[in-house]
Structure formats: structure tokens, C-alpha cells
Amino acid sequence: MAPYKIELHLHTTYVSQCGWMGADALLSAYRDAGYSGICVTDHYNRTTFKYLERDITQPGGHAEAFLLGVRRMRRVADKYGIRIYEGLELRVDGIDNDYLCFGVPHDMLEDPEAVFSAPFATFSEEARARGAFIIQAHPFRPGCAPADPALLDAVEVCNTCIRHNSHNDLALAFAQEHGLIQTSGSDCHRPEDPAKGGIEADALPEDEQGLITLLRSRNYRLILPEHYPA
């Protein structure tokens, strides 16, 4: 069996205001590129809930609304032969850092106002204590800054989005310096973005917890562009 390709960083038009693509367009592109798994990491930030027209001053019901992208992708994924994993890309108030998060308990997503107004450390410590896995996405992209390594499991050392200079070389050096797990992602938003990053593994995880186990094992290969790490 050929290795399985898994995308770790992708946005849908259903939830992420900056996402241009729906389920069929995304799944078709990834099937044609030979991928077997996609992590849907729609933005979990203030802009998202304005886009969804959700009043986050009142907690409750927000997790299910946020997961619309995952639900829509899963509804049609079988016909493309692709497994969908649930994730999110978190941004809290005060800094433009983004964090890819897998395995976050849904009750932690029910009060976005509390999440966004608290320090990232508050979210990280609770989520990781409850089994979640957190990757800092593109930590050296302009406007971002590397987080305290103690709050992270991994670093996205390769972000292939062509509209940003993510300084992958600096991200790789940061991950190596602190012994953090390394990941790659396409940061897919638009039709020119799919299937440029991710990981390649010898087994396909059954679910999010299986994906976390795979990432913690480091038993996979990064999907990298030809001129990485530039």
C-alpha cells in the first residue's frame, strides 16, 4: 500500500470568511492529488463568528455552528475516498498568532468570548490537559511571534501559502531548537492552494485521536515543496 497523504491545514467557505472553496471542490482537488485525509481547520476567531452572524456575548450553541465546515465535508467525503478530521485554527485577542488545534473538547468551544479574551496560555493549558494537540502555525509570518514552547506540541515548519512569506526557515530552526514536533500544511483557502503540504504516513488514522497519536509518534514524513525551506 502506498503511503497515505494527509492535509493538516485547510479552510472551508462555510465557516472561514477567507475560504473560497466548498466541499466538492476541495475534495475533488485532494483526491486528484492522491490525498487520503484532510484536517478541516477553519478559523476560530472573532471574524469567523461575525461571518456566521453569531452573538458570542451569550455562550452556548457556538460549537455546533463552528463545526459546519467539518459536517459539510464529511457529508460527501466518502464518494471521494477521503477521511475528514476535525480541527480548528485559533486566534485570541491581542496578537495575530494562529494555532492549529486537534482534539479540543467541544465544551471548550461553546463560549468563544471567554476563549478570545483570555491569554492563549489559558486555552493551551486546559486543552492539552484534556488531550488536545496544539501546533503553532507559521510563527514567523509578519505580525506573528513564536509562542512559549511550553505551550506547544508542534510547529508548522512548512506553510506553503503563496500569498504570505511564512519564513519557514526560521520556523524550522525554532522547532529544532526546542525539540518540538514538526508539521507541514497547505494553508488552503483558494483554488490555487490545495495539496502542496501535509504529512505522509504508512497508516491512515481512524479519527482525531488516532491523528494525534500519529503526530506524537513523529512516525511520518513531511510533504515539502521543491525549494523548502525558503
Protein backbone atom coordinates (compact mmCIF):
# COMPACT_ATOMS: atom_id res chain seq x y z
CA MET A 1 0.00 0.00 0.00
CA ALA A 2 1.31 3.42 -0.95
CA PRO A 3 1.83 5.94 1.87
CA TYR A 4 -1.19 8.00 2.89
CA LYS A 5 -1.13 11.77 2.36
CA ILE A 6 -2.89 13.90 4.98
CA GLU A 7 -3.53 17.65 4.78
CA LEU A 8 -3.17 19.39 8.17
CA HIS A 9 -4.22 22.98 7.38
CA LEU A 10 -7.36 23.78 5.37
CA HIS A 11 -10.28 26.24 5.45
CA THR A 12 -13.80 25.97 4.07
CA THR A 13 -16.04 28.72 2.72
CA TYR A 14 -18.78 27.65 5.13
CA VAL A 15 -17.02 28.90 8.26
CA SER A 16 -13.84 30.80 7.33
CA GLN A 17 -14.59 34.17 5.73
CA CYS A 18 -11.31 33.95 3.81
CA GLY A 19 -12.13 30.47 2.45
CA TRP A 20 -13.26 30.38 -1.17
CA MET A 21 -13.90 26.65 -1.67
CA GLY A 22 -16.70 24.27 -0.75
CA ALA A 23 -16.68 20.56 -0.05
CA ASP A 24 -16.85 19.15 -3.56
CA ALA A 25 -14.19 21.48 -4.96
CA LEU A 26 -11.83 20.76 -2.08
CA LEU A 27 -12.35 17.00 -2.06
CA SER A 28 -12.01 16.74 -5.82
CA ALA A 29 -8.70 18.62 -5.78
CA TYR A 30 -7.27 16.49 -2.97
CA ARG A 31 -8.49 13.22 -4.47
CA ASP A 32 -6.81 14.11 -7.76
CA ALA A 33 -3.59 14.83 -5.85
CA GLY A 34 -3.66 11.44 -4.13
CA TYR A 35 -4.58 12.53 -0.59
CA SER A 36 -6.40 10.18 1.78
CA GLY A 37 -7.11 12.54 4.69
CA ILE A 38 -7.94 16.20 5.30
CA CYS A 39 -7.91 18.11 8.58
CA VAL A 40 -10.51 20.88 8.44
CA THR A 41 -9.02 23.74 10.45
CA ASP A 42 -11.49 26.57 9.96
CA HIS A 43 -10.65 29.80 11.74
CA TYR A 44 -11.88 30.00 15.31
CA ASN A 45 -11.64 33.75 15.87
CA ARG A 46 -13.80 36.85 16.15
CA THR A 47 -14.04 37.34 12.38
CA THR A 48 -15.50 33.85 11.99
CA PHE A 49 -18.35 34.43 14.39
CA LYS A 50 -19.20 37.76 12.76
CA TYR A 51 -19.23 35.92 9.41
CA LEU A 52 -21.52 33.28 10.92
CA GLU A 53 -23.68 36.05 12.44
CA ARG A 54 -23.33 34.59 15.91
CA ASP A 55 -23.75 36.69 19.06
CA ILE A 56 -20.88 35.43 21.21
CA THR A 57 -21.78 37.62 24.18
CA GLN A 58 -24.09 34.74 25.05
CA PRO A 59 -22.40 31.33 25.42
CA GLY A 60 -23.95 28.14 24.10
CA GLY A 61 -24.61 26.61 20.69
CA HIS A 62 -21.45 28.01 19.15
CA ALA A 63 -19.52 24.76 18.85
CA GLU A 64 -22.09 23.18 16.53
CA ALA A 65 -22.26 26.34 14.40
CA PHE A 66 -18.48 26.42 14.12
CA LEU A 67 -18.31 22.77 13.03
CA LEU A 68 -20.45 23.36 9.93
CA GLY A 69 -17.40 23.07 7.66
CA VAL A 70 -16.44 19.69 9.07
CA ARG A 71 -20.02 18.46 8.80
CA ARG A 72 -20.36 19.57 5.17
CA MET A 73 -17.04 17.96 4.22
CA ARG A 74 -17.95 14.68 5.93
CA ARG A 75 -21.33 14.60 4.22
CA VAL A 76 -19.74 13.99 0.81
CA ALA A 77 -16.24 12.73 1.68
CA ASP A 78 -16.98 9.03 1.19
CA LYS A 79 -17.56 9.37 -2.53
CA TYR A 80 -14.07 10.85 -2.85
CA GLY A 81 -12.43 8.21 -0.66
CA ILE A 82 -11.06 10.82 1.78
CA ARG A 83 -11.24 10.78 5.58
CA ILE A 84 -12.06 14.06 7.33
CA TYR A 85 -10.55 15.07 10.65
CA GLU A 86 -11.90 17.83 12.88
CA GLY A 87 -9.64 20.71 13.89
CA LEU A 88 -9.55 24.48 14.21
CA GLU A 89 -7.19 27.42 13.81
CA LEU A 90 -7.36 29.53 16.95
CA ARG A 91 -6.55 33.22 17.33
CA VAL A 92 -7.07 35.05 20.62
CA ASP A 93 -7.15 38.79 21.22
CA GLY A 94 -4.01 40.91 21.29
CA ILE A 95 -1.74 39.19 18.75
CA ASP A 96 -2.09 37.73 15.27
CA ASN A 97 -0.68 34.31 16.20
CA ASP A 98 -2.59 31.29 14.90
CA TYR A 99 -2.68 27.81 16.42
CA LEU A 100 -3.85 24.61 14.73
CA CYS A 101 -5.66 22.55 17.36
CA PHE A 102 -6.84 18.94 17.21
CA GLY A 103 -8.86 17.04 19.78
CA VAL A 104 -10.28 20.10 21.56
CA PRO A 105 -13.33 19.10 23.66
CA HIS A 106 -16.46 20.70 22.24
CA ASP A 107 -17.49 22.25 25.55
CA MET A 108 -14.37 24.44 25.33
CA LEU A 109 -15.74 25.95 22.10
CA GLU A 110 -19.14 26.93 23.46
CA ASP A 111 -18.02 30.29 24.88
CA PRO A 112 -15.86 31.99 22.21
CA GLU A 113 -15.88 35.32 24.04
CA ALA A 114 -14.18 33.72 27.04
CA VAL A 115 -11.62 31.99 24.80
CA PHE A 116 -10.73 35.08 22.79
CA SER A 117 -10.46 37.43 25.75
CA ALA A 118 -8.19 35.14 27.79
CA PRO A 119 -4.46 34.61 27.22
CA PHE A 120 -3.51 31.81 24.85
CA ALA A 121 -1.83 30.09 27.80
CA THR A 122 -5.23 29.64 29.47
CA PHE A 123 -6.63 27.78 26.46
CA SER A 124 -3.47 25.78 25.83
CA GLU A 125 -3.09 24.54 29.37
CA GLU A 126 -6.70 23.34 29.67
CA ALA A 127 -6.95 21.89 26.16
CA ARG A 128 -3.68 19.98 26.36
CA ALA A 129 -4.53 18.69 29.84
CA ARG A 130 -7.66 17.24 28.25
CA GLY A 131 -5.77 15.54 25.42
CA ALA A 132 -5.68 18.19 22.69
CA PHE A 133 -2.70 18.72 20.39
CA ILE A 134 -1.57 22.25 19.50
CA ILE A 135 0.63 23.38 16.61
CA GLN A 136 1.72 26.97 16.15
CA ALA A 137 1.03 27.83 12.53
CA HIS A 138 3.53 29.99 10.59
CA PRO A 139 5.10 31.51 13.76
CA PHE A 140 7.41 33.87 11.85
CA ARG A 141 4.90 35.25 9.35
CA PRO A 142 4.81 39.08 9.63
CA GLY A 143 2.60 40.04 12.57
CA CYS A 144 3.19 36.73 14.36
CA ALA A 145 5.70 35.76 17.03
CA PRO A 146 6.85 32.39 18.36
CA ALA A 147 4.93 31.35 21.45
CA ASP A 148 6.33 29.94 24.67
CA PRO A 149 7.43 26.43 23.59
CA ALA A 150 5.99 25.03 26.82
CA LEU A 151 2.51 25.84 25.47
CA LEU A 152 3.02 23.95 22.21
CA ASP A 153 3.23 20.39 20.98
CA ALA A 154 4.44 21.23 17.50
CA VAL A 155 5.41 23.90 15.00
CA GLU A 156 4.28 24.25 11.40
CA VAL A 157 7.74 24.35 9.86
CA CYS A 158 6.38 24.40 6.31
CA ASN A 159 3.45 26.60 5.30
CA THR A 160 3.06 26.65 1.52
CA CYS A 161 0.58 29.53 1.14
CA ILE A 162 1.88 31.58 -1.80
CA ARG A 163 0.32 34.84 -0.56
CA HIS A 164 2.47 35.07 2.56
CA ASN A 165 6.13 34.86 3.46
CA SER A 166 5.97 32.50 6.40
CA HIS A 167 9.76 32.34 6.86
CA ASN A 168 9.74 28.56 7.01
CA ASP A 169 13.48 28.54 7.64
CA LEU A 170 13.00 30.37 10.94
CA ALA A 171 10.10 28.12 11.92
CA LEU A 172 12.24 25.04 11.29
CA ALA A 173 15.09 26.45 13.39
CA PHE A 174 12.66 27.27 16.22
CA ALA A 175 11.22 23.74 16.22
CA GLN A 176 14.68 22.18 16.18
CA GLU A 177 15.95 24.42 18.98
CA HIS A 178 13.10 23.43 21.29
CA GLY A 179 12.66 19.81 20.23
CA LEU A 180 9.10 20.38 19.06
CA ILE A 181 7.24 18.15 16.62
CA GLN A 182 7.35 19.42 13.03
CA THR A 183 4.39 19.65 10.64
CA SER A 184 3.62 20.90 7.15
CA GLY A 185 0.39 22.33 5.71
CA SER A 186 -1.01 23.86 2.54
CA ASP A 187 -2.97 26.56 4.42
CA CYS A 188 -5.62 26.00 1.76
CA HIS A 189 -8.09 28.83 1.14
CA ARG A 190 -8.34 29.27 -2.65
CA PRO A 191 -8.29 27.13 -5.81
CA GLU A 192 -4.53 27.61 -6.25
CA ASP A 193 -3.76 26.30 -2.74
CA PRO A 194 -4.69 22.60 -2.39
CA ALA A 195 -2.31 19.70 -1.98
CA LYS A 196 1.01 21.48 -1.52
CA GLY A 197 1.73 20.40 2.06
CA GLY A 198 0.81 18.00 4.83
CA ILE A 199 2.24 14.71 6.01
CA GLU A 200 2.70 11.25 4.55
CA ALA A 201 2.26 8.18 6.77
CA ASP A 202 2.20 4.41 6.39
CA ALA A 203 -1.20 4.14 8.09
CA LEU A 204 -4.31 6.31 7.95
CA PRO A 205 -5.65 7.32 11.39
CA GLU A 206 -9.24 6.34 12.12
CA ASP A 207 -10.13 9.58 13.90
CA GLU A 208 -8.73 12.70 15.57
CA GLN A 209 -7.25 10.79 18.48
CA GLY A 210 -5.51 8.48 16.04
CA LEU A 211 -4.17 11.52 14.22
CA ILE A 212 -2.83 12.94 17.48
CA THR A 213 -1.17 9.62 18.27
CA LEU A 214 0.46 9.65 14.83
CA LEU A 215 1.72 13.20 15.25
CA ARG A 216 3.11 12.48 18.72
CA SER A 217 4.92 9.42 17.35
CA ARG A 218 6.71 11.54 14.70
CA ASN A 219 6.44 8.44 12.52
CA TYR A 220 5.59 10.27 9.31
CA ARG A 221 7.23 12.34 6.59
CA LEU A 222 6.62 15.98 5.79
CA ILE A 223 5.24 16.89 2.37
CA LEU A 224 7.54 19.71 1.27
CA PRO A 225 7.83 21.96 -1.79
CA GLU A 226 10.86 21.63 -4.02
CA HIS A 227 12.66 24.69 -2.64
CA TYR A 228 11.90 24.17 1.06
CA PRO A 229 12.61 25.81 3.50
CA ALA A 230 12.58 29.12 1.57
